[in-house]
Amino acid sequence: MLESILDKMADKILALDEASMTSLWKKYKDRMEIFDASKEWERSVIVFFIINAVRAKNQIFNERILKMQGQKKDAPSRPFKPGPDIKRVK
């Protein structure tokens, strides 16, 4: 049941326009930085991270598409193998 709810939430979020969400980024960042123990503050934190998650997802998606297109032009015999482009920061 929880997975179903999360999947539906993800579908709704994916249907939103990234540019419109990004325009709200500063509003939620500013609100999140002013802590108070309220539901409004909690919602601000969640919305802020949802916006960041969509931006990160789109960045990864676009990078992978470009890699796949570049490999098709450069080396069509070599298959694309997705892997994390993650750097560990200490």
N, C-alpha and C. Protein backbone atom coordinates (compact mmCIF):
# COMPACT_ATOMS: atom_id res chain seq x y z
N MET A 1 0.81 -1.19 0.00
CA MET A 1 0.00 0.00 0.00
C MET A 1 0.86 1.26 0.00
N LEU A 2 1.88 1.31 0.83
CA LEU A 2 2.77 2.46 0.88
C LEU A 2 3.47 2.67 -0.46
N GLU A 3 3.93 1.57 -1.06
CA GLU A 3 4.59 1.70 -2.37
C GLU A 3 3.64 2.26 -3.41
N SER A 4 2.41 1.84 -3.38
CA SER A 4 1.41 2.32 -4.32
C SER A 4 1.20 3.83 -4.16
N ILE A 5 1.12 4.27 -2.93
CA ILE A 5 0.95 5.70 -2.65
C ILE A 5 2.16 6.48 -3.16
N LEU A 6 3.36 5.98 -2.87
CA LEU A 6 4.57 6.67 -3.31
C LEU A 6 4.67 6.70 -4.83
N ASP A 7 4.30 5.61 -5.49
CA ASP A 7 4.31 5.57 -6.95
C ASP A 7 3.35 6.61 -7.53
N LYS A 8 2.17 6.73 -6.95
CA LYS A 8 1.19 7.72 -7.42
C LYS A 8 1.70 9.14 -7.20
N MET A 9 2.34 9.36 -6.06
CA MET A 9 2.93 10.67 -5.80
C MET A 9 4.00 10.99 -6.83
N ALA A 10 4.85 10.01 -7.12
CA ALA A 10 5.91 10.21 -8.10
C ALA A 10 5.33 10.53 -9.48
N ASP A 11 4.28 9.82 -9.87
CA ASP A 11 3.63 10.09 -11.16
C ASP A 11 3.10 11.52 -11.21
N LYS A 12 2.50 11.97 -10.14
CA LYS A 12 1.97 13.34 -10.11
C LYS A 12 3.10 14.37 -10.17
N ILE A 13 4.18 14.10 -9.47
CA ILE A 13 5.33 15.02 -9.47
C ILE A 13 5.98 15.05 -10.85
N LEU A 14 6.11 13.89 -11.49
CA LEU A 14 6.70 13.84 -12.82
C LEU A 14 5.86 14.57 -13.86
N ALA A 15 4.58 14.72 -13.61
CA ALA A 15 3.70 15.42 -14.55
C ALA A 15 3.84 16.95 -14.43
N LEU A 16 4.51 17.42 -13.39
CA LEU A 16 4.68 18.86 -13.19
C LEU A 16 5.82 19.38 -14.06
N ASP A 17 5.76 20.66 -14.37
CA ASP A 17 6.77 21.32 -15.19
C ASP A 17 7.97 21.71 -14.33
N GLU A 18 9.16 21.27 -14.75
CA GLU A 18 10.36 21.56 -13.97
C GLU A 18 10.61 23.06 -13.86
N ALA A 19 10.42 23.79 -14.93
CA ALA A 19 10.67 25.24 -14.89
C ALA A 19 9.76 25.93 -13.89
N SER A 20 8.51 25.54 -13.84
CA SER A 20 7.58 26.13 -12.87
C SER A 20 8.00 25.78 -11.45
N MET A 21 8.42 24.53 -11.26
CA MET A 21 8.87 24.13 -9.92
C MET A 21 10.14 24.88 -9.53
N THR A 22 11.06 25.02 -10.46
CA THR A 22 12.32 25.69 -10.18
C THR A 22 12.09 27.15 -9.81
N SER A 23 11.07 27.76 -10.38
CA SER A 23 10.78 29.16 -10.05
C SER A 23 10.36 29.32 -8.58
N LEU A 24 9.94 28.23 -7.96
CA LEU A 24 9.53 28.26 -6.55
C LEU A 24 10.66 27.85 -5.59
N TRP A 25 11.80 27.45 -6.15
CA TRP A 25 12.91 26.91 -5.36
C TRP A 25 13.34 27.88 -4.25
N LYS A 26 13.57 29.15 -4.59
CA LYS A 26 14.05 30.11 -3.59
C LYS A 26 13.02 30.33 -2.49
N LYS A 27 11.74 30.39 -2.86
CA LYS A 27 10.69 30.57 -1.86
C LYS A 27 10.75 29.47 -0.79
N TYR A 28 10.86 28.22 -1.24
CA TYR A 28 10.86 27.11 -0.29
C TYR A 28 12.20 26.99 0.45
N LYS A 29 13.28 27.36 -0.21
CA LYS A 29 14.59 27.37 0.46
C LYS A 29 14.57 28.39 1.60
N ASP A 30 14.09 29.59 1.30
CA ASP A 30 14.03 30.64 2.33
C ASP A 30 13.13 30.23 3.48
N ARG A 31 11.98 29.65 3.16
CA ARG A 31 11.03 29.23 4.21
C ARG A 31 11.63 28.11 5.05
N MET A 32 12.34 27.20 4.41
CA MET A 32 12.92 26.07 5.12
C MET A 32 14.01 26.54 6.10
N GLU A 33 14.72 27.58 5.73
CA GLU A 33 15.82 28.06 6.56
C GLU A 33 15.35 28.76 7.83
N ILE A 34 14.08 29.13 7.89
CA ILE A 34 13.54 29.76 9.10
C ILE A 34 12.76 28.69 9.86
N PHE A 35 13.45 28.02 10.74
CA PHE A 35 12.84 26.88 11.44
C PHE A 35 11.78 27.33 12.43
N ASP A 36 10.68 26.62 12.39
CA ASP A 36 9.71 26.63 13.47
C ASP A 36 9.04 25.26 13.44
N ALA A 37 8.56 24.86 14.55
CA ALA A 37 8.00 23.50 14.66
C ALA A 37 6.56 23.49 14.18
N SER A 38 6.39 23.71 12.86
CA SER A 38 5.04 23.76 12.31
C SER A 38 4.94 22.83 11.09
N LYS A 39 3.71 22.49 10.75
CA LYS A 39 3.46 21.68 9.55
C LYS A 39 3.87 22.45 8.30
N GLU A 40 3.69 23.76 8.33
CA GLU A 40 4.08 24.59 7.18
C GLU A 40 5.59 24.46 6.93
N TRP A 41 6.39 24.53 7.98
CA TRP A 41 7.84 24.37 7.83
C TRP A 41 8.17 22.97 7.29
N GLU A 42 7.52 21.94 7.83
CA GLU A 42 7.76 20.57 7.37
C GLU A 42 7.42 20.42 5.89
N ARG A 43 6.29 20.99 5.47
CA ARG A 43 5.91 20.93 4.06
C ARG A 43 6.93 21.66 3.20
N SER A 44 7.44 22.77 3.68
CA SER A 44 8.44 23.53 2.92
C SER A 44 9.70 22.70 2.69
N VAL A 45 10.12 21.98 3.70
CA VAL A 45 11.30 21.12 3.55
C VAL A 45 11.04 20.04 2.51
N ILE A 46 9.89 19.40 2.59
CA ILE A 46 9.55 18.34 1.64
C ILE A 46 9.48 18.89 0.21
N VAL A 47 8.81 20.01 0.03
CA VAL A 47 8.68 20.60 -1.31
C VAL A 47 10.06 21.00 -1.85
N PHE A 48 10.89 21.59 -1.01
CA PHE A 48 12.24 21.98 -1.42
C PHE A 48 13.01 20.77 -1.96
N PHE A 49 12.94 19.67 -1.25
CA PHE A 49 13.68 18.49 -1.68
C PHE A 49 13.02 17.79 -2.87
N ILE A 50 11.72 17.91 -3.02
CA ILE A 50 11.06 17.38 -4.22
C ILE A 50 11.55 18.15 -5.45
N ILE A 51 11.59 19.48 -5.34
CA ILE A 51 12.08 20.30 -6.45
C ILE A 51 13.51 19.90 -6.80
N ASN A 52 14.36 19.74 -5.79
CA ASN A 52 15.74 19.33 -6.04
C ASN A 52 15.82 17.94 -6.65
N ALA A 53 14.95 17.05 -6.23
CA ALA A 53 14.95 15.69 -6.77
C ALA A 53 14.59 15.69 -8.26
N VAL A 54 13.59 16.48 -8.63
CA VAL A 54 13.20 16.57 -10.04
C VAL A 54 14.33 17.17 -10.86
N ARG A 55 14.97 18.20 -10.35
CA ARG A 55 16.09 18.82 -11.06
C ARG A 55 17.24 17.83 -11.23
N ALA A 56 17.55 17.09 -10.19
CA ALA A 56 18.63 16.10 -10.27
C ALA A 56 18.28 14.97 -11.24
N LYS A 57 17.03 14.51 -11.18
CA LYS A 57 16.59 13.45 -12.10
C LYS A 57 16.72 13.90 -13.54
N ASN A 58 16.29 15.12 -13.83
CA ASN A 58 16.37 15.62 -15.20
C ASN A 58 17.81 15.81 -15.66
N GLN A 59 18.68 16.24 -14.76
CA GLN A 59 20.10 16.39 -15.09
C GLN A 59 20.71 15.03 -15.45
N ILE A 60 20.45 14.04 -14.63
CA ILE A 60 20.97 12.69 -14.89
C ILE A 60 20.40 12.16 -16.20
N PHE A 61 19.10 12.32 -16.39
CA PHE A 61 18.43 11.84 -17.61
C PHE A 61 19.07 12.47 -18.85
N ASN A 62 19.23 13.79 -18.83
CA ASN A 62 19.80 14.48 -19.98
C ASN A 62 21.24 14.06 -20.25
N GLU A 63 22.04 13.91 -19.20
CA GLU A 63 23.42 13.46 -19.37
C GLU A 63 23.48 12.07 -19.99
N ARG A 64 22.62 11.18 -19.54
CA ARG A 64 22.60 9.81 -20.07
C ARG A 64 22.17 9.78 -21.53
N ILE A 65 21.18 10.58 -21.89
CA ILE A 65 20.73 10.64 -23.28
C ILE A 65 21.88 11.14 -24.16
N LEU A 66 22.57 12.19 -23.71
CA LEU A 66 23.70 12.70 -24.49
C LEU A 66 24.80 11.66 -24.63
N LYS A 67 25.08 10.92 -23.57
CA LYS A 67 26.09 9.86 -23.65
C LYS A 67 25.68 8.80 -24.65
N MET A 68 24.42 8.41 -24.59
CA MET A 68 23.94 7.38 -25.51
C MET A 68 24.02 7.87 -26.96
N GLN A 69 23.66 9.12 -27.20
CA GLN A 69 23.73 9.67 -28.55
C GLN A 69 25.17 9.79 -29.03
N GLY A 70 26.06 10.18 -28.13
CA GLY A 70 27.48 10.30 -28.48
C GLY A 70 28.09 8.95 -28.80
N GLN A 71 27.70 7.93 -28.07
CA GLN A 71 28.23 6.59 -28.32
C GLN A 71 27.72 6.04 -29.64
N LYS A 72 26.51 6.37 -30.00
CA LYS A 72 25.97 5.90 -31.28
C LYS A 72 26.76 6.49 -32.43
N LYS A 73 27.20 7.74 -32.30
CA LYS A 73 27.97 8.39 -33.36
C LYS A 73 29.41 7.90 -33.37
N ASP A 74 30.03 7.77 -32.16
CA ASP A 74 31.45 7.47 -32.05
C ASP A 74 31.77 5.99 -32.18
N ALA A 75 31.04 5.16 -31.51
CA ALA A 75 31.36 3.72 -31.47
C ALA A 75 30.08 2.91 -31.42
N PRO A 76 29.46 2.70 -32.57
CA PRO A 76 28.18 1.99 -32.55
C PRO A 76 28.28 0.54 -32.09
N SER A 77 29.45 -0.04 -32.12
CA SER A 77 29.57 -1.44 -31.71
C SER A 77 29.66 -1.60 -30.19
N ARG A 78 29.92 -0.53 -29.48
CA ARG A 78 30.07 -0.60 -28.02
C ARG A 78 28.75 -0.24 -27.35
N PRO A 79 28.12 -1.16 -26.60
CA PRO A 79 26.84 -0.86 -25.97
C PRO A 79 26.99 0.12 -24.81
N PHE A 80 25.95 0.88 -24.57
CA PHE A 80 25.93 1.82 -23.45
C PHE A 80 25.66 1.05 -22.17
N LYS A 81 26.52 1.25 -21.19
CA LYS A 81 26.35 0.61 -19.88
C LYS A 81 26.19 1.70 -18.84
N PRO A 82 24.97 1.89 -18.37
CA PRO A 82 24.76 2.94 -17.37
C PRO A 82 25.43 2.59 -16.04
N GLY A 83 25.95 3.58 -15.40
CA GLY A 83 26.56 3.39 -14.08
C GLY A 83 26.51 4.72 -13.36
N PRO A 84 26.70 4.69 -12.09
CA PRO A 84 26.60 5.94 -11.33
C PRO A 84 27.76 6.87 -11.62
N ASP A 85 27.45 8.16 -11.77
CA ASP A 85 28.47 9.20 -11.88
C ASP A 85 28.51 9.91 -10.56
N ILE A 86 28.82 9.18 -9.52
CA ILE A 86 28.76 9.71 -8.17
C ILE A 86 30.18 9.84 -7.64
N LYS A 87 30.45 10.98 -7.02
CA LYS A 87 31.74 11.22 -6.40
C LYS A 87 31.56 11.23 -4.89
N ARG A 88 32.42 10.55 -4.20
CA ARG A 88 32.35 10.55 -2.74
C ARG A 88 33.04 11.79 -2.22
N VAL A 89 32.34 12.55 -1.40
CA VAL A 89 32.88 13.77 -0.83
C VAL A 89 32.94 13.60 0.67
N LYS A 90 34.10 13.84 1.22
CA LYS A 90 34.26 13.70 2.66
C LYS A 90 34.28 15.05 3.31
